[in-house]
Amino acid sequence: MAVAADGAIWFTDPSYGVLQGFRPRSVAADRVWRLDPETGEAAIVAESLDKPNGLAFSPDESTLYVGDSGAIHGPGDYDPDRPRRVLAFDVAGDRLTGERLFADEIPGFPDGLKVDGDGRVYVSSADGVLVYDSDGAPLGEIELPGAVNFTFGGPARNVLYITRDDSVWAAHLLVKGA
């Protein structure tokens, strides 16, 4: 989920709860949604992803990055030939346009996504947290086994709190979260 400056809530709703047997079947397919703050209505804004999971805006909100974790459909169902990528979209008001591949073949699959104040994109993976520049060029990674999700925190918003299945890690950075 990401909240835009205009109050709109952008979110993904992958069907992992259904696939893992603890949530009833949804009436909608896996999509990217936008909840309008004035009307309270939700609209589908992207339908091209297998399992949209995790999203983040660029600092100026002109780009929305969305993870596609289609490589995993449930416990014991991992297929590296299915999507494990991040797509970038141009934000045009309440719509998304200009879909493009941002990063592909994420180790494991992407789950968490965040952007720092300088526009670098952070993506969780089986190897840790991958870091890309705003054009999708890899810059490096924060190595740890199996990052699931993360968030910027701390008084200066320069600590990346990273969750794994069994622990929480903290990476102190020289940059702040967006």
N, C-alpha and C. Protein backbone atom coordinates (compact mmCIF):
# COMPACT_ATOMS: atom_id res chain seq x y z
N MET A 1 0.84 -1.18 0.00
CA MET A 1 0.00 0.00 0.00
C MET A 1 0.88 1.24 0.00
N ALA A 2 0.47 2.23 -0.76
CA ALA A 2 1.15 3.53 -0.77
C ALA A 2 0.09 4.61 -0.82
N VAL A 3 0.26 5.63 -0.01
CA VAL A 3 -0.69 6.74 0.02
C VAL A 3 -0.05 7.92 -0.71
N ALA A 4 -0.75 8.42 -1.73
CA ALA A 4 -0.26 9.56 -2.52
C ALA A 4 -0.54 10.87 -1.77
N ALA A 5 0.11 11.93 -2.21
CA ALA A 5 -0.07 13.24 -1.59
C ALA A 5 -1.52 13.71 -1.63
N ASP A 6 -2.28 13.27 -2.64
CA ASP A 6 -3.69 13.66 -2.74
C ASP A 6 -4.60 12.82 -1.85
N GLY A 7 -4.02 11.89 -1.09
CA GLY A 7 -4.80 11.05 -0.18
C GLY A 7 -5.27 9.74 -0.79
N ALA A 8 -5.07 9.55 -2.09
CA ALA A 8 -5.47 8.30 -2.72
C ALA A 8 -4.61 7.15 -2.19
N ILE A 9 -5.24 6.01 -1.98
CA ILE A 9 -4.54 4.82 -1.51
C ILE A 9 -4.38 3.88 -2.71
N TRP A 10 -3.14 3.57 -3.03
CA TRP A 10 -2.81 2.64 -4.11
C TRP A 10 -2.39 1.33 -3.43
N PHE A 11 -2.93 0.20 -3.89
CA PHE A 11 -2.62 -1.06 -3.21
C PHE A 11 -2.71 -2.25 -4.15
N THR A 12 -2.09 -3.34 -3.71
CA THR A 12 -2.18 -4.61 -4.42
C THR A 12 -2.97 -5.56 -3.54
N ASP A 13 -3.55 -6.58 -4.16
CA ASP A 13 -4.32 -7.57 -3.41
C ASP A 13 -4.07 -8.96 -4.01
N PRO A 14 -2.84 -9.48 -3.85
CA PRO A 14 -2.57 -10.81 -4.38
C PRO A 14 -3.37 -11.87 -3.61
N SER A 15 -3.66 -12.95 -4.27
CA SER A 15 -4.54 -13.98 -3.70
C SER A 15 -3.80 -15.02 -2.86
N TYR A 16 -2.74 -14.64 -2.18
CA TYR A 16 -1.99 -15.63 -1.41
C TYR A 16 -2.81 -16.25 -0.29
N GLY A 17 -3.66 -15.50 0.35
CA GLY A 17 -4.50 -16.06 1.40
C GLY A 17 -5.42 -17.15 0.88
N VAL A 18 -5.95 -16.98 -0.31
CA VAL A 18 -6.79 -18.00 -0.95
C VAL A 18 -5.93 -19.22 -1.27
N LEU A 19 -4.78 -18.99 -1.89
CA LEU A 19 -3.90 -20.09 -2.30
C LEU A 19 -3.37 -20.89 -1.11
N GLN A 20 -3.25 -20.21 0.04
CA GLN A 20 -2.75 -20.89 1.24
C GLN A 20 -3.89 -21.41 2.13
N GLY A 21 -5.13 -21.18 1.71
CA GLY A 21 -6.28 -21.78 2.39
C GLY A 21 -6.78 -21.08 3.63
N PHE A 22 -6.43 -19.80 3.87
CA PHE A 22 -6.95 -19.13 5.07
C PHE A 22 -7.79 -17.91 4.75
N ARG A 23 -8.16 -17.73 3.50
CA ARG A 23 -8.99 -16.60 3.11
C ARG A 23 -9.97 -17.07 2.04
N PRO A 24 -11.22 -16.58 2.07
CA PRO A 24 -12.17 -17.01 1.03
C PRO A 24 -11.78 -16.45 -0.34
N ARG A 25 -12.23 -17.14 -1.38
CA ARG A 25 -11.93 -16.72 -2.75
C ARG A 25 -12.46 -15.31 -2.99
N SER A 26 -11.66 -14.50 -3.63
CA SER A 26 -12.01 -13.12 -3.94
C SER A 26 -12.86 -13.08 -5.21
N VAL A 27 -13.66 -12.05 -5.33
CA VAL A 27 -14.45 -11.87 -6.55
C VAL A 27 -13.64 -11.19 -7.64
N ALA A 28 -12.51 -10.61 -7.28
CA ALA A 28 -11.65 -9.91 -8.25
C ALA A 28 -10.34 -10.65 -8.41
N ALA A 29 -9.78 -10.57 -9.60
CA ALA A 29 -8.47 -11.16 -9.85
C ALA A 29 -7.38 -10.31 -9.21
N ASP A 30 -6.16 -10.81 -9.20
CA ASP A 30 -5.03 -10.08 -8.64
C ASP A 30 -4.76 -8.85 -9.50
N ARG A 31 -4.82 -7.69 -8.90
CA ARG A 31 -4.69 -6.43 -9.64
C ARG A 31 -4.00 -5.38 -8.77
N VAL A 32 -3.73 -4.23 -9.39
CA VAL A 32 -3.31 -3.03 -8.67
C VAL A 32 -4.52 -2.12 -8.64
N TRP A 33 -4.80 -1.57 -7.48
CA TRP A 33 -6.01 -0.77 -7.26
C TRP A 33 -5.65 0.64 -6.79
N ARG A 34 -6.61 1.55 -6.98
CA ARG A 34 -6.52 2.90 -6.44
C ARG A 34 -7.84 3.22 -5.76
N LEU A 35 -7.77 3.61 -4.49
CA LEU A 35 -8.95 4.01 -3.73
C LEU A 35 -9.03 5.52 -3.73
N ASP A 36 -10.10 6.05 -4.31
CA ASP A 36 -10.29 7.50 -4.42
C ASP A 36 -10.67 8.07 -3.06
N PRO A 37 -9.94 9.07 -2.56
CA PRO A 37 -10.22 9.60 -1.23
C PRO A 37 -11.53 10.39 -1.15
N GLU A 38 -12.01 10.91 -2.26
CA GLU A 38 -13.25 11.70 -2.24
C GLU A 38 -14.49 10.84 -2.36
N THR A 39 -14.47 9.84 -3.24
CA THR A 39 -15.66 9.02 -3.47
C THR A 39 -15.65 7.72 -2.67
N GLY A 40 -14.47 7.29 -2.23
CA GLY A 40 -14.37 6.03 -1.53
C GLY A 40 -14.45 4.82 -2.46
N GLU A 41 -14.43 5.06 -3.76
CA GLU A 41 -14.52 3.97 -4.73
C GLU A 41 -13.13 3.47 -5.12
N ALA A 42 -13.02 2.15 -5.26
CA ALA A 42 -11.78 1.52 -5.69
C ALA A 42 -11.86 1.20 -7.18
N ALA A 43 -10.78 1.47 -7.89
CA ALA A 43 -10.71 1.19 -9.32
C ALA A 43 -9.44 0.42 -9.63
N ILE A 44 -9.55 -0.52 -10.56
CA ILE A 44 -8.38 -1.26 -11.03
C ILE A 44 -7.56 -0.33 -11.91
N VAL A 45 -6.25 -0.26 -11.65
CA VAL A 45 -5.37 0.61 -12.42
C VAL A 45 -4.30 -0.17 -13.19
N ALA A 46 -4.11 -1.46 -12.88
CA ALA A 46 -3.17 -2.29 -13.64
C ALA A 46 -3.62 -3.75 -13.55
N GLU A 47 -3.65 -4.41 -14.70
CA GLU A 47 -4.10 -5.80 -14.77
C GLU A 47 -3.07 -6.75 -15.35
N SER A 48 -1.89 -6.26 -15.66
CA SER A 48 -0.91 -7.04 -16.42
C SER A 48 0.01 -7.91 -15.56
N LEU A 49 -0.10 -7.84 -14.25
CA LEU A 49 0.81 -8.58 -13.38
C LEU A 49 0.18 -9.90 -12.95
N ASP A 50 1.00 -10.91 -12.76
CA ASP A 50 0.53 -12.22 -12.30
C ASP A 50 0.11 -12.12 -10.83
N LYS A 51 1.04 -11.73 -9.98
CA LYS A 51 0.78 -11.56 -8.54
C LYS A 51 1.36 -10.23 -8.09
N PRO A 52 0.63 -9.12 -8.35
CA PRO A 52 1.14 -7.83 -7.90
C PRO A 52 1.28 -7.84 -6.37
N ASN A 53 2.46 -7.44 -5.90
CA ASN A 53 2.73 -7.57 -4.48
C ASN A 53 3.81 -6.57 -4.09
N GLY A 54 3.41 -5.50 -3.48
CA GLY A 54 4.34 -4.46 -3.08
C GLY A 54 4.41 -3.36 -4.11
N LEU A 55 4.36 -2.13 -3.64
CA LEU A 55 4.46 -0.98 -4.54
C LEU A 55 5.01 0.21 -3.80
N ALA A 56 5.57 1.14 -4.57
CA ALA A 56 6.15 2.36 -3.99
C ALA A 56 6.21 3.44 -5.06
N PHE A 57 5.99 4.67 -4.64
CA PHE A 57 6.09 5.83 -5.53
C PHE A 57 7.51 6.37 -5.56
N SER A 58 7.89 6.94 -6.70
CA SER A 58 9.10 7.75 -6.77
C SER A 58 8.86 8.98 -5.89
N PRO A 59 9.92 9.68 -5.46
CA PRO A 59 9.73 10.83 -4.57
C PRO A 59 8.77 11.89 -5.11
N ASP A 60 8.75 12.10 -6.43
CA ASP A 60 7.83 13.10 -7.00
C ASP A 60 6.48 12.51 -7.41
N GLU A 61 6.27 11.22 -7.12
CA GLU A 61 5.03 10.49 -7.42
C GLU A 61 4.72 10.40 -8.90
N SER A 62 5.70 10.59 -9.76
CA SER A 62 5.46 10.47 -11.20
C SER A 62 5.59 9.02 -11.68
N THR A 63 6.19 8.16 -10.85
CA THR A 63 6.36 6.76 -11.20
C THR A 63 5.88 5.89 -10.05
N LEU A 64 5.18 4.80 -10.39
CA LEU A 64 4.79 3.81 -9.40
C LEU A 64 5.50 2.51 -9.76
N TYR A 65 6.27 1.98 -8.82
CA TYR A 65 6.97 0.71 -8.99
C TYR A 65 6.11 -0.38 -8.34
N VAL A 66 5.94 -1.51 -9.06
CA VAL A 66 5.09 -2.58 -8.55
C VAL A 66 5.82 -3.91 -8.71
N GLY A 67 5.90 -4.68 -7.62
CA GLY A 67 6.51 -6.00 -7.68
C GLY A 67 5.52 -7.02 -8.23
N ASP A 68 6.03 -7.99 -8.98
CA ASP A 68 5.23 -9.10 -9.49
C ASP A 68 5.87 -10.37 -8.97
N SER A 69 5.24 -10.98 -7.98
CA SER A 69 5.80 -12.16 -7.32
C SER A 69 5.10 -13.44 -7.78
N GLY A 70 4.79 -13.52 -9.07
CA GLY A 70 4.09 -14.67 -9.62
C GLY A 70 4.86 -15.97 -9.55
N ALA A 71 6.15 -15.93 -9.28
CA ALA A 71 6.94 -17.16 -9.18
C ALA A 71 6.48 -18.04 -8.03
N ILE A 72 5.81 -17.44 -7.05
CA ILE A 72 5.31 -18.21 -5.92
C ILE A 72 3.79 -18.09 -5.88
N HIS A 73 3.12 -19.23 -5.90
CA HIS A 73 1.66 -19.23 -5.85
C HIS A 73 1.13 -19.82 -4.56
N GLY A 74 2.01 -20.37 -3.76
CA GLY A 74 1.60 -20.95 -2.48
C GLY A 74 2.72 -21.79 -1.92
N PRO A 75 2.53 -22.35 -0.73
CA PRO A 75 3.58 -23.18 -0.13
C PRO A 75 3.99 -24.33 -1.07
N GLY A 76 5.27 -24.46 -1.32
CA GLY A 76 5.77 -25.53 -2.17
C GLY A 76 5.50 -25.36 -3.65
N ASP A 77 5.05 -24.18 -4.05
CA ASP A 77 4.71 -23.94 -5.46
C ASP A 77 5.54 -22.78 -6.00
N TYR A 78 6.84 -22.99 -6.13
CA TYR A 78 7.74 -21.97 -6.67
C TYR A 78 8.17 -22.38 -8.06
N ASP A 79 8.04 -21.45 -9.01
CA ASP A 79 8.45 -21.71 -10.39
C ASP A 79 9.21 -20.48 -10.88
N PRO A 80 10.55 -20.58 -11.01
CA PRO A 80 11.34 -19.41 -11.42
C PRO A 80 11.05 -18.94 -12.85
N ASP A 81 10.28 -19.72 -13.61
CA ASP A 81 9.91 -19.27 -14.95
C ASP A 81 8.69 -18.35 -14.93
N ARG A 82 8.00 -18.28 -13.80
CA ARG A 82 6.90 -17.32 -13.66
C ARG A 82 7.50 -15.98 -13.24
N PRO A 83 6.72 -14.91 -13.30
CA PRO A 83 7.27 -13.57 -13.02
C PRO A 83 7.87 -13.42 -11.63
N ARG A 84 9.02 -12.78 -11.60
CA ARG A 84 9.70 -12.36 -10.36
C ARG A 84 10.45 -11.10 -10.73
N ARG A 85 9.67 -10.04 -10.85
CA ARG A 85 10.16 -8.80 -11.45
C ARG A 85 9.52 -7.59 -10.79
N VAL A 86 10.01 -6.42 -11.21
CA VAL A 86 9.40 -5.16 -10.81
C VAL A 86 9.09 -4.40 -12.08
N LEU A 87 7.88 -3.89 -12.17
CA LEU A 87 7.46 -3.06 -13.29
C LEU A 87 7.37 -1.61 -12.82
N ALA A 88 7.56 -0.69 -13.74
CA ALA A 88 7.41 0.74 -13.45
C ALA A 88 6.30 1.28 -14.33
N PHE A 89 5.49 2.15 -13.78
CA PHE A 89 4.39 2.78 -14.50
C PHE A 89 4.49 4.29 -14.32
N ASP A 90 4.13 5.03 -15.35
CA ASP A 90 3.97 6.48 -15.21
C ASP A 90 2.62 6.73 -14.56
N VAL A 91 2.58 7.67 -13.63
CA VAL A 91 1.33 8.02 -12.95
C VAL A 91 0.74 9.22 -13.68
N ALA A 92 -0.48 9.05 -14.18
CA ALA A 92 -1.20 10.10 -14.90
C ALA A 92 -2.51 10.37 -14.16
N GLY A 93 -2.42 11.18 -13.10
CA GLY A 93 -3.61 11.47 -12.30
C GLY A 93 -4.05 10.22 -11.55
N ASP A 94 -5.22 9.71 -11.92
CA ASP A 94 -5.75 8.52 -11.25
C ASP A 94 -5.54 7.25 -12.09
N ARG A 95 -4.66 7.33 -13.09
CA ARG A 95 -4.39 6.18 -13.97
C ARG A 95 -2.90 5.88 -14.02
N LEU A 96 -2.59 4.70 -14.54
CA LEU A 96 -1.21 4.31 -14.80
C LEU A 96 -1.02 4.14 -16.30
N THR A 97 0.09 4.63 -16.82
CA THR A 97 0.42 4.49 -18.24
C THR A 97 1.89 4.10 -18.35
N GLY A 98 2.35 3.88 -19.57
CA GLY A 98 3.77 3.68 -19.82
C GLY A 98 4.39 2.52 -19.07
N GLU A 99 3.70 1.38 -18.99
CA GLU A 99 4.25 0.22 -18.29
C GLU A 99 5.58 -0.21 -18.91
N ARG A 100 6.55 -0.51 -18.05
CA ARG A 100 7.85 -0.97 -18.52
C ARG A 100 8.50 -1.85 -17.46
N LEU A 101 9.36 -2.75 -17.95
CA LEU A 101 10.11 -3.61 -17.05
C LEU A 101 11.19 -2.78 -16.35
N PHE A 102 11.23 -2.85 -15.04
CA PHE A 102 12.21 -2.11 -14.26
C PHE A 102 13.36 -3.02 -13.82
N ALA A 103 13.04 -4.18 -13.26
CA ALA A 103 14.04 -5.16 -12.81
C ALA A 103 13.46 -6.55 -12.98
N ASP A 104 14.27 -7.49 -13.45
CA ASP A 104 13.78 -8.83 -13.73
C ASP A 104 14.65 -9.87 -13.03
N GLU A 105 14.10 -11.06 -12.93
CA GLU A 105 14.79 -12.19 -12.33
C GLU A 105 15.30 -11.89 -10.93
N ILE A 106 14.40 -11.32 -10.12
CA ILE A 106 14.71 -11.06 -8.71
C ILE A 106 14.94 -12.41 -8.04
N PRO A 107 16.06 -12.60 -7.30
CA PRO A 107 16.27 -13.88 -6.61
C PRO A 107 15.10 -14.18 -5.68
N GLY A 108 14.54 -15.37 -5.80
CA GLY A 108 13.32 -15.70 -5.06
C GLY A 108 12.16 -15.01 -5.75
N PHE A 109 11.71 -13.91 -5.17
CA PHE A 109 10.67 -13.07 -5.77
C PHE A 109 10.60 -11.77 -4.97
N PRO A 110 10.13 -10.69 -5.59
CA PRO A 110 10.00 -9.43 -4.85
C PRO A 110 8.76 -9.45 -3.97
N ASP A 111 8.85 -8.83 -2.83
CA ASP A 111 7.71 -8.68 -1.94
C ASP A 111 7.64 -7.21 -1.54
N GLY A 112 8.58 -6.77 -0.71
CA GLY A 112 8.58 -5.38 -0.28
C GLY A 112 9.29 -4.48 -1.27
N LEU A 113 8.79 -3.26 -1.43
CA LEU A 113 9.42 -2.22 -2.25
C LEU A 113 9.35 -0.91 -1.49
N LYS A 114 10.44 -0.17 -1.53
CA LYS A 114 10.48 1.18 -0.96
C LYS A 114 11.41 2.02 -1.82
N VAL A 115 11.28 3.33 -1.69
CA VAL A 115 12.11 4.28 -2.43
C VAL A 115 12.71 5.25 -1.42
N ASP A 116 13.99 5.59 -1.61
CA ASP A 116 14.58 6.58 -0.71
C ASP A 116 14.40 7.98 -1.29
N GLY A 117 14.81 8.98 -0.52
CA GLY A 117 14.62 10.38 -0.91
C GLY A 117 15.35 10.78 -2.17
N ASP A 118 16.36 10.01 -2.57
CA ASP A 118 17.10 10.29 -3.80
C ASP A 118 16.58 9.49 -4.99
N GLY A 119 15.51 8.71 -4.78
CA GLY A 119 14.88 7.97 -5.88
C GLY A 119 15.39 6.57 -6.09
N ARG A 120 16.30 6.09 -5.24
CA ARG A 120 16.74 4.70 -5.36
C ARG A 120 15.62 3.77 -4.92
N VAL A 121 15.51 2.63 -5.61
CA VAL A 121 14.43 1.67 -5.34
C VAL A 121 15.02 0.46 -4.62
N TYR A 122 14.39 0.07 -3.52
CA TYR A 122 14.80 -1.06 -2.70
C TYR A 122 13.79 -2.18 -2.90
N VAL A 123 14.28 -3.40 -3.15
CA VAL A 123 13.42 -4.54 -3.46
C VAL A 123 13.85 -5.73 -2.61
N SER A 124 12.91 -6.33 -1.88
CA SER A 124 13.26 -7.52 -1.11
C SER A 124 13.47 -8.70 -2.05
N SER A 125 14.34 -9.63 -1.60
CA SER A 125 14.63 -10.82 -2.40
C SER A 125 15.11 -11.93 -1.49
N ALA A 126 15.34 -13.10 -2.07
CA ALA A 126 15.87 -14.23 -1.30
C ALA A 126 17.28 -13.95 -0.80
N ASP A 127 17.98 -13.01 -1.43
CA ASP A 127 19.36 -12.70 -1.05
C ASP A 127 19.49 -11.49 -0.13
N GLY A 128 18.40 -10.80 0.14
CA GLY A 128 18.44 -9.59 0.96
C GLY A 128 17.62 -8.50 0.32
N VAL A 129 18.13 -7.28 0.37
CA VAL A 129 17.44 -6.14 -0.22
C VAL A 129 18.30 -5.63 -1.37
N LEU A 130 17.75 -5.68 -2.57
CA LEU A 130 18.45 -5.19 -3.77
C LEU A 130 18.19 -3.70 -3.90
N VAL A 131 19.20 -2.96 -4.38
CA VAL A 131 19.07 -1.51 -4.53
C VAL A 131 19.34 -1.16 -5.99
N TYR A 132 18.43 -0.36 -6.58
CA TYR A 132 18.51 0.06 -7.98
C TYR A 132 18.45 1.57 -8.06
N ASP A 133 19.06 2.14 -9.12
CA ASP A 133 18.84 3.56 -9.36
C ASP A 133 17.47 3.71 -10.02
N SER A 134 17.02 4.93 -10.23
CA SER A 134 15.66 5.17 -10.73
C SER A 134 15.45 4.70 -12.16
N ASP A 135 16.54 4.35 -12.87
CA ASP A 135 16.42 3.81 -14.22
C ASP A 135 16.48 2.29 -14.25
N GLY A 136 16.61 1.65 -13.10
CA GLY A 136 16.64 0.20 -13.03
C GLY A 136 18.03 -0.42 -13.05
N ALA A 137 19.07 0.40 -13.01
CA ALA A 137 20.43 -0.15 -12.97
C ALA A 137 20.73 -0.62 -11.54
N PRO A 138 21.23 -1.85 -11.38
CA PRO A 138 21.56 -2.34 -10.04
C PRO A 138 22.70 -1.53 -9.42
N LEU A 139 22.55 -1.16 -8.15
CA LEU A 139 23.58 -0.41 -7.43
C LEU A 139 24.27 -1.26 -6.37
N GLY A 140 23.58 -2.26 -5.86
CA GLY A 140 24.14 -3.10 -4.82
C GLY A 140 23.04 -3.81 -4.06
N GLU A 141 23.42 -4.36 -2.92
CA GLU A 141 22.42 -5.03 -2.09
C GLU A 141 22.83 -5.04 -0.63
N ILE A 142 21.83 -5.14 0.19
CA ILE A 142 22.02 -5.35 1.62
C ILE A 142 21.84 -6.85 1.81
N GLU A 143 22.94 -7.54 2.02
CA GLU A 143 22.91 -9.00 2.04
C GLU A 143 22.42 -9.54 3.37
N LEU A 144 21.41 -10.38 3.31
CA LEU A 144 20.94 -11.18 4.43
C LEU A 144 20.02 -12.23 3.85
N PRO A 145 19.94 -13.37 4.45
CA PRO A 145 19.14 -14.44 3.87
C PRO A 145 17.64 -14.19 3.99
N GLY A 146 17.00 -14.05 2.85
CA GLY A 146 15.54 -14.03 2.81
C GLY A 146 14.83 -12.83 3.37
N ALA A 147 15.06 -11.66 2.82
CA ALA A 147 14.29 -10.49 3.24
C ALA A 147 12.85 -10.65 2.76
N VAL A 148 11.90 -10.39 3.63
CA VAL A 148 10.49 -10.48 3.26
C VAL A 148 9.95 -9.08 2.98
N ASN A 149 10.06 -8.20 3.94
CA ASN A 149 9.55 -6.85 3.76
C ASN A 149 10.41 -5.90 4.59
N PHE A 150 10.16 -4.61 4.47
CA PHE A 150 10.97 -3.64 5.18
C PHE A 150 10.30 -2.28 5.13
N THR A 151 10.81 -1.38 5.98
CA THR A 151 10.33 0.00 5.99
C THR A 151 11.43 0.90 6.51
N PHE A 152 11.39 2.15 6.09
CA PHE A 152 12.30 3.15 6.64
C PHE A 152 11.74 3.63 7.97
N GLY A 153 12.62 3.82 8.94
CA GLY A 153 12.19 4.30 10.24
C GLY A 153 13.33 4.99 10.96
N GLY A 154 13.17 5.11 12.27
CA GLY A 154 14.14 5.83 13.08
C GLY A 154 13.85 7.32 13.05
N PRO A 155 14.41 8.09 14.00
CA PRO A 155 14.13 9.52 14.08
C PRO A 155 14.47 10.28 12.79
N ALA A 156 15.51 9.84 12.08
CA ALA A 156 15.90 10.52 10.84
C ALA A 156 15.41 9.78 9.60
N ARG A 157 14.61 8.73 9.78
CA ARG A 157 14.10 7.90 8.67
C ARG A 157 15.23 7.34 7.81
N ASN A 158 16.37 7.04 8.45
CA ASN A 158 17.52 6.49 7.72
C ASN A 158 17.88 5.08 8.18
N VAL A 159 16.97 4.43 8.88
CA VAL A 159 17.17 3.04 9.28
C VAL A 159 16.18 2.20 8.49
N LEU A 160 16.71 1.19 7.81
CA LEU A 160 15.85 0.27 7.07
C LEU A 160 15.61 -0.93 7.97
N TYR A 161 14.37 -1.07 8.48
CA TYR A 161 14.00 -2.21 9.30
C TYR A 161 13.52 -3.30 8.35
N ILE A 162 14.21 -4.43 8.38
CA ILE A 162 13.98 -5.51 7.42
C ILE A 162 13.45 -6.73 8.16
N THR A 163 12.32 -7.26 7.71
CA THR A 163 11.77 -8.47 8.31
C THR A 163 12.14 -9.69 7.48
N ARG A 164 12.40 -10.77 8.20
CA ARG A 164 12.55 -12.10 7.62
C ARG A 164 11.45 -12.94 8.22
N ASP A 165 11.39 -14.20 7.89
CA ASP A 165 10.36 -15.06 8.48
C ASP A 165 10.54 -15.23 9.98
N ASP A 166 11.78 -15.06 10.47
CA ASP A 166 12.04 -15.35 11.87
C ASP A 166 12.78 -14.26 12.63
N SER A 167 12.97 -13.09 12.02
CA SER A 167 13.73 -12.05 12.71
C SER A 167 13.52 -10.69 12.05
N VAL A 168 13.97 -9.66 12.75
CA VAL A 168 13.96 -8.29 12.22
C VAL A 168 15.38 -7.76 12.27
N TRP A 169 15.84 -7.18 11.18
CA TRP A 169 17.18 -6.63 11.07
C TRP A 169 17.07 -5.12 10.89
N ALA A 170 18.13 -4.40 11.20
CA ALA A 170 18.16 -2.95 11.00
C ALA A 170 19.43 -2.59 10.24
N ALA A 171 19.27 -1.87 9.15
CA ALA A 171 20.41 -1.38 8.37
C ALA A 171 20.40 0.14 8.46
N HIS A 172 21.47 0.71 9.04
CA HIS A 172 21.59 2.15 9.16
C HIS A 172 22.19 2.68 7.85
N LEU A 173 21.48 3.59 7.19
CA LEU A 173 21.86 4.07 5.88
C LEU A 173 22.27 5.54 5.92
N LEU A 174 22.91 5.99 4.87
CA LEU A 174 23.29 7.39 4.74
C LEU A 174 22.22 8.21 4.01
N VAL A 175 21.09 7.58 3.70
CA VAL A 175 19.99 8.24 3.01
C VAL A 175 18.71 8.05 3.81
N LYS A 176 17.71 8.87 3.52
CA LYS A 176 16.42 8.80 4.19
C LYS A 176 15.39 8.22 3.25
N GLY A 177 14.37 7.60 3.83
CA GLY A 177 13.25 7.11 3.03
C GLY A 177 12.47 8.26 2.45
N ALA A 178 11.86 8.02 1.31
CA ALA A 178 11.03 9.05 0.66
C ALA A 178 9.76 9.30 1.43
